[in-house]
Amino acid sequence: MTRTSSAPVVRAAEPADLPRIAAVWEAAWLDGHRGRVPDELMAARDSRHFASFAADRLDTTLVADNGGSDLLGLVIVGTSDGEVIQLAVDRSARGMGVGSALLEAAERLIAQTHREAWLAVVPANATARRLYERSGWRDAGPVVHQAPTRRGTVAVPVHRYVKTVRPGAADAPG
């Protein structure tokens, strides 16, 4: 991938992006979760999982690229509940503002229907937590997330982060 200094272009994901979305997401997820979540969840998060989930959520996925063919990152949004489901940045694009640009775009999308956005992050993922805190997100404390797998769920200790994305407005009916 060619490293560029220009600002990332955030846009809606397209079907042609799916293979790269799955690859970037898998690599970033492994980087952020290896050794930080139960082994059972690590085993369940294989390439098939990322490809299938990405295809199922394509309509609520935004991607960042360099204005060309390089997909730099992605964010998947839960528009029904205001969740930032996943945020992933390609290794070669980290530290270039891609994560911040994607997070801001996700916040704008969520603000169309919700007053508050939320996300979950594993406690040991210090890099992600710094990004969220720099972006005005507040750590609302620890919770246990029941991560879905093909065989049921796996309990994963996480911290829930929240941010008001549309001050003074009530959530729209979902």
C-alpha atoms as a PDB file:
ATOM      1  CA  MET A   1       0.000   0.000   0.000  1.00  0.00           C
ATOM      2  CA  THR A   2       1.225   3.462  -0.858  1.00  0.00           C
ATOM      3  CA  ARG A   3       1.453   5.769   2.144  1.00  0.00           C
ATOM      4  CA  THR A   4       0.026   9.192   1.451  1.00  0.00           C
ATOM      5  CA  SER A   5      -0.064  12.391   3.476  1.00  0.00           C
ATOM      6  CA  SER A   6      -3.428  13.585   2.135  1.00  0.00           C
ATOM      7  CA  ALA A   7      -6.551  13.380   4.274  1.00  0.00           C
ATOM      8  CA  PRO A   8      -8.474  10.136   3.962  1.00  0.00           C
ATOM      9  CA  VAL A   9     -11.676  10.124   1.922  1.00  0.00           C
ATOM     10  CA  VAL A  10     -14.571   8.597   3.882  1.00  0.00           C
ATOM     11  CA  ARG A  11     -17.399   7.118   1.821  1.00  0.00           C
ATOM     12  CA  ALA A  12     -20.096   4.463   1.931  1.00  0.00           C
ATOM     13  CA  ALA A  13     -18.784   0.954   1.394  1.00  0.00           C
ATOM     14  CA  GLU A  14     -19.534  -0.767  -1.899  1.00  0.00           C
ATOM     15  CA  PRO A  15     -19.775  -4.483  -2.732  1.00  0.00           C
ATOM     16  CA  ALA A  16     -16.405  -4.317  -4.517  1.00  0.00           C
ATOM     17  CA  ASP A  17     -14.830  -3.280  -1.187  1.00  0.00           C
ATOM     18  CA  LEU A  18     -15.860  -6.460   0.647  1.00  0.00           C
ATOM     19  CA  PRO A  19     -12.658  -8.507   0.227  1.00  0.00           C
ATOM     20  CA  ARG A  20     -10.479  -5.636   1.430  1.00  0.00           C
ATOM     21  CA  ILE A  21     -12.904  -4.739   4.251  1.00  0.00           C
ATOM     22  CA  ALA A  22     -12.707  -8.299   5.558  1.00  0.00           C
ATOM     23  CA  ALA A  23      -8.898  -8.393   5.289  1.00  0.00           C
ATOM     24  CA  VAL A  24      -8.286  -5.009   6.964  1.00  0.00           C
ATOM     25  CA  TRP A  25     -10.834  -5.743   9.671  1.00  0.00           C
ATOM     26  CA  GLU A  26      -9.439  -9.188  10.448  1.00  0.00           C
ATOM     27  CA  ALA A  27      -5.845  -7.937  10.741  1.00  0.00           C
ATOM     28  CA  ALA A  28      -6.823  -4.938  12.883  1.00  0.00           C
ATOM     29  CA  TRP A  29      -9.122  -7.021  15.092  1.00  0.00           C
ATOM     30  CA  LEU A  30      -6.372  -9.560  15.718  1.00  0.00           C
ATOM     31  CA  ASP A  31      -3.906  -6.753  16.534  1.00  0.00           C
ATOM     32  CA  GLY A  32      -6.304  -5.227  19.058  1.00  0.00           C
ATOM     33  CA  HIS A  33      -7.625  -8.417  20.635  1.00  0.00           C
ATOM     34  CA  ARG A  34      -4.904 -11.093  20.585  1.00  0.00           C
ATOM     35  CA  GLY A  35      -4.049 -11.916  24.193  1.00  0.00           C
ATOM     36  CA  ARG A  36      -6.803  -9.573  25.415  1.00  0.00           C
ATOM     37  CA  VAL A  37      -9.946 -11.679  24.922  1.00  0.00           C
ATOM     38  CA  PRO A  38     -10.802 -15.312  25.703  1.00  0.00           C
ATOM     39  CA  ASP A  39      -9.142 -17.931  23.489  1.00  0.00           C
ATOM     40  CA  GLU A  40     -12.584 -19.238  22.531  1.00  0.00           C
ATOM     41  CA  LEU A  41     -13.412 -15.907  20.905  1.00  0.00           C
ATOM     42  CA  MET A  42     -10.042 -15.750  19.140  1.00  0.00           C
ATOM     43  CA  ALA A  43     -10.726 -19.187  17.633  1.00  0.00           C
ATOM     44  CA  ALA A  44     -14.172 -18.094  16.437  1.00  0.00           C
ATOM     45  CA  ARG A  45     -12.903 -14.979  14.680  1.00  0.00           C
ATOM     46  CA  ASP A  46     -11.595 -16.550  11.488  1.00  0.00           C
ATOM     47  CA  SER A  47     -11.577 -15.164   7.949  1.00  0.00           C
ATOM     48  CA  ARG A  48     -15.030 -16.609   7.284  1.00  0.00           C
ATOM     49  CA  HIS A  49     -16.474 -14.668  10.235  1.00  0.00           C
ATOM     50  CA  PHE A  50     -15.093 -11.333   9.037  1.00  0.00           C
ATOM     51  CA  ALA A  51     -16.200 -11.875   5.422  1.00  0.00           C
ATOM     52  CA  SER A  52     -19.720 -12.925   6.435  1.00  0.00           C
ATOM     53  CA  PHE A  53     -20.226 -10.137   8.989  1.00  0.00           C
ATOM     54  CA  ALA A  54     -18.869  -7.512   6.584  1.00  0.00           C
ATOM     55  CA  ALA A  55     -21.280  -8.651   3.865  1.00  0.00           C
ATOM     56  CA  ASP A  56     -24.211  -8.594   6.308  1.00  0.00           C
ATOM     57  CA  ARG A  57     -23.382  -5.025   7.450  1.00  0.00           C
ATOM     58  CA  LEU A  58     -22.307  -3.495   4.137  1.00  0.00           C
ATOM     59  CA  ASP A  59     -25.204  -1.013   4.193  1.00  0.00           C
ATOM     60  CA  THR A  60     -24.010   0.489   7.505  1.00  0.00           C
ATOM     61  CA  THR A  61     -20.284   0.407   6.738  1.00  0.00           C
ATOM     62  CA  LEU A  62     -18.156   3.403   5.877  1.00  0.00           C
ATOM     63  CA  VAL A  63     -14.647   3.077   4.481  1.00  0.00           C
ATOM     64  CA  ALA A  64     -11.694   5.422   4.224  1.00  0.00           C
ATOM     65  CA  ASP A  65      -9.444   5.418   1.212  1.00  0.00           C
ATOM     66  CA  ASN A  66      -6.722   7.619  -0.168  1.00  0.00           C
ATOM     67  CA  GLY A  67      -8.831   8.851  -3.050  1.00  0.00           C
ATOM     68  CA  GLY A  68      -7.653   5.875  -5.064  1.00  0.00           C
ATOM     69  CA  SER A  69      -7.659   2.129  -4.727  1.00  0.00           C
ATOM     70  CA  ASP A  70      -6.150   1.758  -1.238  1.00  0.00           C
ATOM     71  CA  LEU A  71      -8.728   0.981   1.456  1.00  0.00           C
ATOM     72  CA  LEU A  72      -7.248   2.426   4.646  1.00  0.00           C
ATOM     73  CA  GLY A  73      -9.913   1.533   7.185  1.00  0.00           C
ATOM     74  CA  LEU A  74     -13.561   0.961   7.976  1.00  0.00           C
ATOM     75  CA  VAL A  75     -16.227   1.615  10.551  1.00  0.00           C
ATOM     76  CA  ILE A  76     -19.406  -0.421  10.985  1.00  0.00           C
ATOM     77  CA  VAL A  77     -22.326   1.371  12.613  1.00  0.00           C
ATOM     78  CA  GLY A  78     -25.402  -0.044  14.334  1.00  0.00           C
ATOM     79  CA  THR A  79     -27.945   2.520  13.230  1.00  0.00           C
ATOM     80  CA  SER A  80     -30.760   0.898  15.242  1.00  0.00           C
ATOM     81  CA  ASP A  81     -28.998   1.343  18.593  1.00  0.00           C
ATOM     82  CA  GLY A  82     -26.315   3.978  18.017  1.00  0.00           C
ATOM     83  CA  GLU A  83     -23.388   1.592  18.358  1.00  0.00           C
ATOM     84  CA  VAL A  84     -20.028   1.955  16.696  1.00  0.00           C
ATOM     85  CA  ILE A  85     -19.752  -1.797  16.135  1.00  0.00           C
ATOM     86  CA  GLN A  86     -16.251  -1.947  14.700  1.00  0.00           C
ATOM     87  CA  LEU A  87     -13.501   0.505  13.822  1.00  0.00           C
ATOM     88  CA  ALA A  88     -10.474  -0.868  11.996  1.00  0.00           C
ATOM     89  CA  VAL A  89      -7.477   0.798  10.357  1.00  0.00           C
ATOM     90  CA  ASP A  90      -4.944  -0.888   8.090  1.00  0.00           C
ATOM     91  CA  ARG A  91      -1.523  -1.230   9.736  1.00  0.00           C
ATOM     92  CA  SER A  92       0.104   0.926   7.063  1.00  0.00           C
ATOM     93  CA  ALA A  93      -2.349   3.781   7.698  1.00  0.00           C
ATOM     94  CA  ARG A  94      -2.209   3.966  11.483  1.00  0.00           C
ATOM     95  CA  GLY A  95      -1.212   7.326  12.895  1.00  0.00           C
ATOM     96  CA  MET A  96      -2.470   9.178   9.796  1.00  0.00           C
ATOM     97  CA  GLY A  97      -5.846  10.336  11.146  1.00  0.00           C
ATOM     98  CA  VAL A  98      -7.826   7.562   9.471  1.00  0.00           C
ATOM     99  CA  GLY A  99      -9.349   6.290  12.718  1.00  0.00           C
ATOM    100  CA  SER A 100     -10.362   9.804  13.755  1.00  0.00           C
ATOM    101  CA  ALA A 101     -11.932  10.524  10.355  1.00  0.00           C
ATOM    102  CA  LEU A 102     -13.906   7.273  10.439  1.00  0.00           C
ATOM    103  CA  LEU A 103     -15.034   7.812  14.030  1.00  0.00           C
ATOM    104  CA  GLU A 104     -16.240  11.344  13.220  1.00  0.00           C
ATOM    105  CA  ALA A 105     -18.161  10.047  10.192  1.00  0.00           C
ATOM    106  CA  ALA A 106     -19.755   7.323  12.325  1.00  0.00           C
ATOM    107  CA  GLU A 107     -20.793   9.925  14.903  1.00  0.00           C
ATOM    108  CA  ARG A 108     -22.469  12.026  12.189  1.00  0.00           C
ATOM    109  CA  LEU A 109     -24.341   8.978  10.890  1.00  0.00           C
ATOM    110  CA  ILE A 110     -25.513   7.977  14.371  1.00  0.00           C
ATOM    111  CA  ALA A 111     -26.558  11.576  15.141  1.00  0.00           C
ATOM    112  CA  GLN A 112     -29.205  11.315  12.426  1.00  0.00           C
ATOM    113  CA  THR A 113     -31.250   8.982  14.657  1.00  0.00           C
ATOM    114  CA  HIS A 114     -29.721   8.983  18.142  1.00  0.00           C
ATOM    115  CA  ARG A 115     -28.631  11.482  20.755  1.00  0.00           C
ATOM    116  CA  GLU A 116     -25.933   9.220  22.161  1.00  0.00           C
ATOM    117  CA  ALA A 117     -23.466   6.863  20.514  1.00  0.00           C
ATOM    118  CA  TRP A 118     -21.757   3.994  22.274  1.00  0.00           C
ATOM    119  CA  LEU A 119     -19.060   1.422  21.688  1.00  0.00           C
ATOM    120  CA  ALA A 120     -17.290  -1.349  23.557  1.00  0.00           C
ATOM    121  CA  VAL A 121     -13.529  -1.765  23.858  1.00  0.00           C
ATOM    122  CA  VAL A 122     -11.393  -4.343  25.630  1.00  0.00           C
ATOM    123  CA  PRO A 123      -9.653  -2.751  28.632  1.00  0.00           C
ATOM    124  CA  ALA A 124      -6.125  -3.594  27.454  1.00  0.00           C
ATOM    125  CA  ASN A 125      -6.546  -1.944  24.032  1.00  0.00           C
ATOM    126  CA  ALA A 126      -4.841   1.275  25.130  1.00  0.00           C
ATOM    127  CA  THR A 127      -4.417   2.600  21.579  1.00  0.00           C
ATOM    128  CA  ALA A 128      -8.147   2.458  20.869  1.00  0.00           C
ATOM    129  CA  ARG A 129      -9.043   3.894  24.260  1.00  0.00           C
ATOM    130  CA  ARG A 130      -6.703   6.866  23.683  1.00  0.00           C
ATOM    131  CA  LEU A 131      -8.360   7.561  20.321  1.00  0.00           C
ATOM    132  CA  TYR A 132     -11.835   7.481  21.845  1.00  0.00           C
ATOM    133  CA  GLU A 133     -10.881   9.694  24.777  1.00  0.00           C
ATOM    134  CA  ARG A 134      -9.111  12.220  22.499  1.00  0.00           C
ATOM    135  CA  SER A 135     -12.307  12.288  20.424  1.00  0.00           C
ATOM    136  CA  GLY A 136     -14.484  13.204  23.403  1.00  0.00           C
ATOM    137  CA  TRP A 137     -15.804   9.766  24.315  1.00  0.00           C
ATOM    138  CA  ARG A 138     -16.355   8.987  28.009  1.00  0.00           C
ATOM    139  CA  ASP A 139     -15.590   5.668  29.687  1.00  0.00           C
ATOM    140  CA  ALA A 140     -18.930   4.659  31.248  1.00  0.00           C
ATOM    141  CA  GLY A 141     -17.359   1.690  33.008  1.00  0.00           C
ATOM    142  CA  PRO A 142     -16.916  -2.040  32.695  1.00  0.00           C
ATOM    143  CA  VAL A 143     -19.568  -4.384  31.307  1.00  0.00           C
ATOM    144  CA  VAL A 144     -19.543  -7.952  30.058  1.00  0.00           C
ATOM    145  CA  HIS A 145     -20.266  -8.248  26.345  1.00  0.00           C
ATOM    146  CA  GLN A 146     -21.752 -11.510  25.100  1.00  0.00           C
ATOM    147  CA  ALA A 147     -19.851 -11.847  21.811  1.00  0.00           C
ATOM    148  CA  PRO A 148     -21.775 -13.969  19.313  1.00  0.00           C
ATOM    149  CA  THR A 149     -20.070 -16.941  17.692  1.00  0.00           C
ATOM    150  CA  ARG A 150     -21.341 -19.797  15.525  1.00  0.00           C
ATOM    151  CA  ARG A 151     -21.534 -21.920  18.700  1.00  0.00           C
ATOM    152  CA  GLY A 152     -23.259 -19.454  21.016  1.00  0.00           C
ATOM    153  CA  THR A 153     -21.748 -16.539  22.898  1.00  0.00           C
ATOM    154  CA  VAL A 154     -18.501 -15.820  24.706  1.00  0.00           C
ATOM    155  CA  ALA A 155     -18.393 -13.493  27.709  1.00  0.00           C
ATOM    156  CA  VAL A 156     -15.866 -10.715  27.086  1.00  0.00           C
ATOM    157  CA  PRO A 157     -15.070  -8.053  29.696  1.00  0.00           C
ATOM    158  CA  VAL A 158     -15.128  -4.641  27.983  1.00  0.00           C
ATOM    159  CA  HIS A 159     -15.528  -0.979  28.804  1.00  0.00           C
ATOM    160  CA  ARG A 160     -18.527   0.836  27.392  1.00  0.00           C
ATOM    161  CA  TYR A 161     -17.698   4.267  25.989  1.00  0.00           C
ATOM    162  CA  VAL A 162     -20.400   6.845  25.269  1.00  0.00           C
ATOM    163  CA  LYS A 163     -20.592  10.194  23.531  1.00  0.00           C
ATOM    164  CA  THR A 164     -23.404  12.674  23.038  1.00  0.00           C
ATOM    165  CA  VAL A 165     -23.544  13.157  19.272  1.00  0.00           C
ATOM    166  CA  ARG A 166     -26.713  15.257  19.098  1.00  0.00           C
ATOM    167  CA  PRO A 167     -27.119  17.403  22.211  1.00  0.00           C
ATOM    168  CA  GLY A 168     -30.622  18.088  23.455  1.00  0.00           C
ATOM    169  CA  ALA A 169     -32.443  15.714  21.118  1.00  0.00           C
ATOM    170  CA  ALA A 170     -34.353  12.584  22.028  1.00  0.00           C
ATOM    171  CA  ASP A 171     -33.550   9.356  20.222  1.00  0.00           C
ATOM    172  CA  ALA A 172     -35.700   8.696  17.178  1.00  0.00           C
ATOM    173  CA  PRO A 173     -37.787   5.544  17.329  1.00  0.00           C
ATOM    174  CA  GLY A 174     -35.802   2.561  16.048  1.00  0.00           C
END
